[in-house]
Amino acid sequence: MRQMDSIPSKAKKIRNKILAKGEKIGHHHKLVGNFQMYELEEPENTTRYLQIHEQTNLTHQEHNTILLPKGMHAVVHERKYEPFSICRLVEPVID
């Protein structure tokens, strides 16, 4: 998550509590609290944004709850980087 001053005006409100779904066994990151989620679809990428009105919980089946502070945030996906591999692998982290 990256804190922002504002959410892009072209981002559309979405009604969703699931921030991200795992790729293998159906686990997910779910938001619990007072927030609004937005999505901005672009040709190469779709970015989600959060406007958190008061501290919100981010839950997951396999790890502790994370407290998200009030404010505006861009959802940034973590990547695994292998600088010493032959092909310089950059791939999504699979949850």
N, C-alpha and C. Protein backbone atom coordinates (compact mmCIF):
# COMPACT_ATOMS: atom_id res chain seq x y z
N MET A 1 0.85 -1.17 0.00
CA MET A 1 0.00 0.00 0.00
C MET A 1 0.89 1.23 0.00
N ARG A 2 0.48 2.20 -0.76
CA ARG A 2 1.21 3.47 -0.82
C ARG A 2 0.23 4.60 -0.54
N GLN A 3 0.56 5.42 0.45
CA GLN A 3 -0.32 6.53 0.80
C GLN A 3 -0.29 7.58 -0.31
N MET A 4 -1.45 8.22 -0.55
CA MET A 4 -1.59 9.21 -1.62
C MET A 4 -2.31 10.44 -1.10
N ASP A 5 -2.18 11.53 -1.85
CA ASP A 5 -2.90 12.76 -1.50
C ASP A 5 -4.34 12.72 -2.03
N SER A 6 -4.54 12.05 -3.15
CA SER A 6 -5.89 11.95 -3.73
C SER A 6 -5.98 10.72 -4.61
N ILE A 7 -7.20 10.34 -4.90
CA ILE A 7 -7.46 9.20 -5.78
C ILE A 7 -7.74 9.77 -7.17
N PRO A 8 -7.17 9.17 -8.23
CA PRO A 8 -7.39 9.69 -9.58
C PRO A 8 -8.88 9.87 -9.89
N SER A 9 -9.22 10.97 -10.53
CA SER A 9 -10.62 11.28 -10.82
C SER A 9 -11.28 10.27 -11.75
N LYS A 10 -10.50 9.56 -12.56
CA LYS A 10 -11.06 8.57 -13.49
C LYS A 10 -11.35 7.23 -12.83
N ALA A 11 -10.88 7.04 -11.58
CA ALA A 11 -11.12 5.78 -10.87
C ALA A 11 -12.61 5.68 -10.53
N LYS A 12 -13.16 4.48 -10.70
CA LYS A 12 -14.58 4.26 -10.45
C LYS A 12 -14.79 3.52 -9.12
N LYS A 13 -15.83 3.92 -8.39
CA LYS A 13 -16.18 3.24 -7.14
C LYS A 13 -16.58 1.81 -7.45
N ILE A 14 -16.11 0.89 -6.61
CA ILE A 14 -16.53 -0.50 -6.74
C ILE A 14 -17.02 -0.99 -5.38
N ARG A 15 -17.94 -1.92 -5.41
CA ARG A 15 -18.48 -2.49 -4.17
C ARG A 15 -17.81 -3.84 -3.96
N ASN A 16 -16.75 -3.82 -3.20
CA ASN A 16 -15.98 -5.03 -3.00
C ASN A 16 -15.29 -4.94 -1.65
N LYS A 17 -15.22 -6.05 -0.94
CA LYS A 17 -14.48 -6.10 0.33
C LYS A 17 -13.22 -6.94 0.19
N ILE A 18 -13.11 -7.68 -0.91
CA ILE A 18 -11.93 -8.52 -1.14
C ILE A 18 -10.90 -7.68 -1.89
N LEU A 19 -9.77 -7.46 -1.24
CA LEU A 19 -8.71 -6.64 -1.84
C LEU A 19 -7.90 -7.45 -2.85
N ALA A 20 -7.60 -8.71 -2.50
CA ALA A 20 -6.81 -9.56 -3.40
C ALA A 20 -7.13 -11.03 -3.10
N LYS A 21 -7.16 -11.84 -4.15
CA LYS A 21 -7.40 -13.27 -4.00
C LYS A 21 -6.11 -14.02 -4.26
N GLY A 22 -5.89 -15.09 -3.48
CA GLY A 22 -4.74 -15.96 -3.71
C GLY A 22 -4.94 -16.78 -4.96
N GLU A 23 -3.84 -17.23 -5.53
CA GLU A 23 -3.92 -17.95 -6.80
C GLU A 23 -4.02 -19.46 -6.64
N LYS A 24 -3.68 -20.00 -5.46
CA LYS A 24 -3.61 -21.45 -5.35
C LYS A 24 -4.77 -22.08 -4.59
N ILE A 25 -5.07 -21.63 -3.38
CA ILE A 25 -6.05 -22.35 -2.56
C ILE A 25 -7.23 -21.51 -2.11
N GLY A 26 -7.46 -20.38 -2.75
CA GLY A 26 -8.65 -19.60 -2.49
C GLY A 26 -8.59 -18.65 -1.31
N HIS A 27 -7.43 -18.50 -0.69
CA HIS A 27 -7.32 -17.52 0.38
C HIS A 27 -7.43 -16.11 -0.19
N HIS A 28 -7.77 -15.16 0.66
CA HIS A 28 -7.94 -13.79 0.18
C HIS A 28 -7.65 -12.78 1.28
N HIS A 29 -7.39 -11.56 0.87
CA HIS A 29 -7.23 -10.43 1.77
C HIS A 29 -8.55 -9.67 1.76
N LYS A 30 -9.17 -9.56 2.92
CA LYS A 30 -10.50 -8.93 3.03
C LYS A 30 -10.41 -7.71 3.94
N LEU A 31 -11.10 -6.64 3.52
CA LEU A 31 -11.16 -5.41 4.31
C LEU A 31 -12.40 -5.41 5.19
N VAL A 32 -12.22 -4.99 6.45
CA VAL A 32 -13.32 -4.90 7.39
C VAL A 32 -13.24 -3.52 8.04
N GLY A 33 -14.22 -2.67 7.78
CA GLY A 33 -14.20 -1.33 8.35
C GLY A 33 -14.93 -0.34 7.47
N ASN A 34 -14.65 0.93 7.69
CA ASN A 34 -15.31 2.02 6.98
C ASN A 34 -14.39 2.53 5.87
N PHE A 35 -14.62 2.10 4.64
CA PHE A 35 -13.75 2.43 3.51
C PHE A 35 -14.55 2.44 2.22
N GLN A 36 -13.95 2.99 1.18
CA GLN A 36 -14.49 2.91 -0.18
C GLN A 36 -13.36 2.46 -1.09
N MET A 37 -13.63 1.46 -1.93
CA MET A 37 -12.63 0.96 -2.86
C MET A 37 -12.93 1.52 -4.26
N TYR A 38 -11.87 1.84 -4.99
CA TYR A 38 -11.96 2.36 -6.36
C TYR A 38 -11.08 1.51 -7.26
N GLU A 39 -11.38 1.54 -8.55
CA GLU A 39 -10.58 0.80 -9.52
C GLU A 39 -10.38 1.66 -10.76
N LEU A 40 -9.17 1.66 -11.27
CA LEU A 40 -8.86 2.39 -12.50
C LEU A 40 -8.31 1.40 -13.50
N GLU A 41 -9.07 1.18 -14.58
CA GLU A 41 -8.64 0.25 -15.63
C GLU A 41 -7.90 1.02 -16.70
N GLU A 42 -6.69 0.55 -16.98
CA GLU A 42 -5.86 1.13 -18.03
C GLU A 42 -5.46 0.00 -18.97
N PRO A 43 -4.97 0.31 -20.17
CA PRO A 43 -4.66 -0.76 -21.14
C PRO A 43 -3.75 -1.86 -20.60
N GLU A 44 -2.71 -1.53 -19.86
CA GLU A 44 -1.76 -2.56 -19.40
C GLU A 44 -1.99 -2.99 -17.96
N ASN A 45 -2.84 -2.30 -17.21
CA ASN A 45 -2.90 -2.55 -15.78
C ASN A 45 -4.22 -2.05 -15.20
N THR A 46 -4.67 -2.71 -14.15
CA THR A 46 -5.80 -2.23 -13.37
C THR A 46 -5.28 -1.96 -11.96
N THR A 47 -5.54 -0.75 -11.46
CA THR A 47 -5.05 -0.36 -10.14
C THR A 47 -6.24 -0.12 -9.22
N ARG A 48 -6.12 -0.62 -8.00
CA ARG A 48 -7.14 -0.37 -6.98
C ARG A 48 -6.65 0.69 -6.02
N TYR A 49 -7.62 1.47 -5.53
CA TYR A 49 -7.34 2.54 -4.57
C TYR A 49 -8.32 2.40 -3.41
N LEU A 50 -7.89 2.83 -2.24
CA LEU A 50 -8.74 2.80 -1.06
C LEU A 50 -8.84 4.18 -0.46
N GLN A 51 -10.04 4.56 -0.10
CA GLN A 51 -10.25 5.74 0.72
C GLN A 51 -10.74 5.20 2.06
N ILE A 52 -9.87 5.23 3.05
CA ILE A 52 -10.18 4.67 4.36
C ILE A 52 -10.65 5.80 5.26
N HIS A 53 -11.89 5.71 5.72
CA HIS A 53 -12.50 6.77 6.51
C HIS A 53 -12.11 6.70 7.98
N GLU A 54 -11.86 5.49 8.47
CA GLU A 54 -11.34 5.29 9.83
C GLU A 54 -10.56 3.98 9.80
N GLN A 55 -9.69 3.81 10.77
CA GLN A 55 -8.81 2.65 10.78
C GLN A 55 -9.58 1.38 10.37
N THR A 56 -9.04 0.63 9.43
CA THR A 56 -9.69 -0.53 8.84
C THR A 56 -8.80 -1.76 8.98
N ASN A 57 -9.41 -2.92 9.17
CA ASN A 57 -8.67 -4.18 9.29
C ASN A 57 -8.52 -4.84 7.93
N LEU A 58 -7.33 -5.37 7.66
CA LEU A 58 -7.07 -6.20 6.49
C LEU A 58 -6.82 -7.60 7.03
N THR A 59 -7.73 -8.52 6.73
CA THR A 59 -7.65 -9.88 7.28
C THR A 59 -7.22 -10.88 6.21
N HIS A 60 -6.66 -11.99 6.68
CA HIS A 60 -6.24 -13.09 5.81
C HIS A 60 -6.29 -14.37 6.63
N GLN A 61 -6.60 -15.49 6.01
CA GLN A 61 -6.74 -16.75 6.73
C GLN A 61 -5.44 -17.26 7.34
N GLU A 62 -4.29 -16.88 6.81
CA GLU A 62 -3.03 -17.47 7.26
C GLU A 62 -2.12 -16.53 8.05
N HIS A 63 -2.50 -15.27 8.23
CA HIS A 63 -1.63 -14.40 9.02
C HIS A 63 -2.44 -13.39 9.81
N ASN A 64 -1.76 -12.67 10.68
CA ASN A 64 -2.42 -11.72 11.57
C ASN A 64 -3.10 -10.59 10.79
N THR A 65 -4.08 -9.98 11.44
CA THR A 65 -4.77 -8.83 10.88
C THR A 65 -3.82 -7.64 10.81
N ILE A 66 -3.91 -6.90 9.72
CA ILE A 66 -3.10 -5.69 9.54
C ILE A 66 -4.04 -4.50 9.69
N LEU A 67 -3.64 -3.51 10.48
CA LEU A 67 -4.45 -2.31 10.65
C LEU A 67 -4.03 -1.28 9.62
N LEU A 68 -4.98 -0.82 8.82
CA LEU A 68 -4.70 0.18 7.80
C LEU A 68 -5.14 1.55 8.31
N PRO A 69 -4.29 2.55 8.21
CA PRO A 69 -4.63 3.87 8.73
C PRO A 69 -5.60 4.63 7.83
N LYS A 70 -6.28 5.59 8.43
CA LYS A 70 -7.18 6.48 7.71
C LYS A 70 -6.39 7.20 6.63
N GLY A 71 -7.01 7.41 5.47
CA GLY A 71 -6.35 8.13 4.38
C GLY A 71 -6.64 7.49 3.04
N MET A 72 -5.92 7.97 2.03
CA MET A 72 -6.07 7.45 0.67
C MET A 72 -4.83 6.66 0.31
N HIS A 73 -5.05 5.50 -0.31
CA HIS A 73 -3.96 4.58 -0.59
C HIS A 73 -4.10 3.95 -1.97
N ALA A 74 -2.97 3.70 -2.61
CA ALA A 74 -2.93 2.90 -3.84
C ALA A 74 -2.50 1.50 -3.43
N VAL A 75 -3.10 0.50 -4.03
CA VAL A 75 -2.74 -0.89 -3.74
C VAL A 75 -1.60 -1.26 -4.69
N VAL A 76 -0.45 -1.56 -4.11
CA VAL A 76 0.75 -1.89 -4.88
C VAL A 76 1.02 -3.37 -4.70
N HIS A 77 1.14 -4.09 -5.81
CA HIS A 77 1.39 -5.53 -5.73
C HIS A 77 2.87 -5.82 -5.61
N GLU A 78 3.20 -6.63 -4.63
CA GLU A 78 4.58 -7.00 -4.36
C GLU A 78 5.07 -7.96 -5.43
N ARG A 79 6.33 -7.83 -5.79
CA ARG A 79 6.95 -8.71 -6.79
C ARG A 79 8.21 -9.33 -6.21
N LYS A 80 8.53 -10.52 -6.68
CA LYS A 80 9.77 -11.18 -6.28
C LYS A 80 10.79 -10.93 -7.38
N TYR A 81 11.97 -10.47 -6.98
CA TYR A 81 13.02 -10.15 -7.94
C TYR A 81 14.23 -11.03 -7.67
N GLU A 82 14.70 -11.73 -8.66
CA GLU A 82 15.87 -12.61 -8.55
C GLU A 82 17.00 -12.01 -9.37
N PRO A 83 17.83 -11.14 -8.77
CA PRO A 83 18.86 -10.44 -9.55
C PRO A 83 19.96 -11.34 -10.09
N PHE A 84 20.15 -12.52 -9.48
CA PHE A 84 21.26 -13.37 -9.92
C PHE A 84 20.82 -14.54 -10.79
N SER A 85 19.55 -14.59 -11.15
CA SER A 85 19.12 -15.65 -12.04
C SER A 85 19.57 -15.30 -13.46
N ILE A 86 19.67 -16.30 -14.30
CA ILE A 86 20.17 -16.09 -15.66
C ILE A 86 19.26 -15.15 -16.45
N CYS A 87 17.94 -15.24 -16.25
CA CYS A 87 17.03 -14.41 -17.05
C CYS A 87 16.45 -13.24 -16.27
N ARG A 88 17.02 -12.91 -15.11
CA ARG A 88 16.53 -11.78 -14.29
C ARG A 88 15.02 -11.86 -14.09
N LEU A 89 14.58 -12.89 -13.41
CA LEU A 89 13.18 -13.19 -13.20
C LEU A 89 12.49 -12.13 -12.35
N VAL A 90 11.38 -11.64 -12.82
CA VAL A 90 10.50 -10.79 -12.03
C VAL A 90 9.11 -11.42 -12.12
N GLU A 91 8.55 -11.84 -10.99
CA GLU A 91 7.26 -12.51 -11.01
C GLU A 91 6.43 -12.08 -9.82
N PRO A 92 5.10 -12.22 -9.91
CA PRO A 92 4.24 -11.87 -8.79
C PRO A 92 4.49 -12.81 -7.61
N VAL A 93 4.32 -12.29 -6.41
CA VAL A 93 4.38 -13.14 -5.21
C VAL A 93 3.06 -13.86 -5.12
N ILE A 94 3.08 -15.18 -4.99
CA ILE A 94 1.86 -15.98 -4.92
C ILE A 94 1.53 -16.21 -3.47
N ASP A 95 0.31 -15.86 -3.10
CA ASP A 95 -0.12 -15.97 -1.71
C ASP A 95 -0.77 -17.31 -1.47
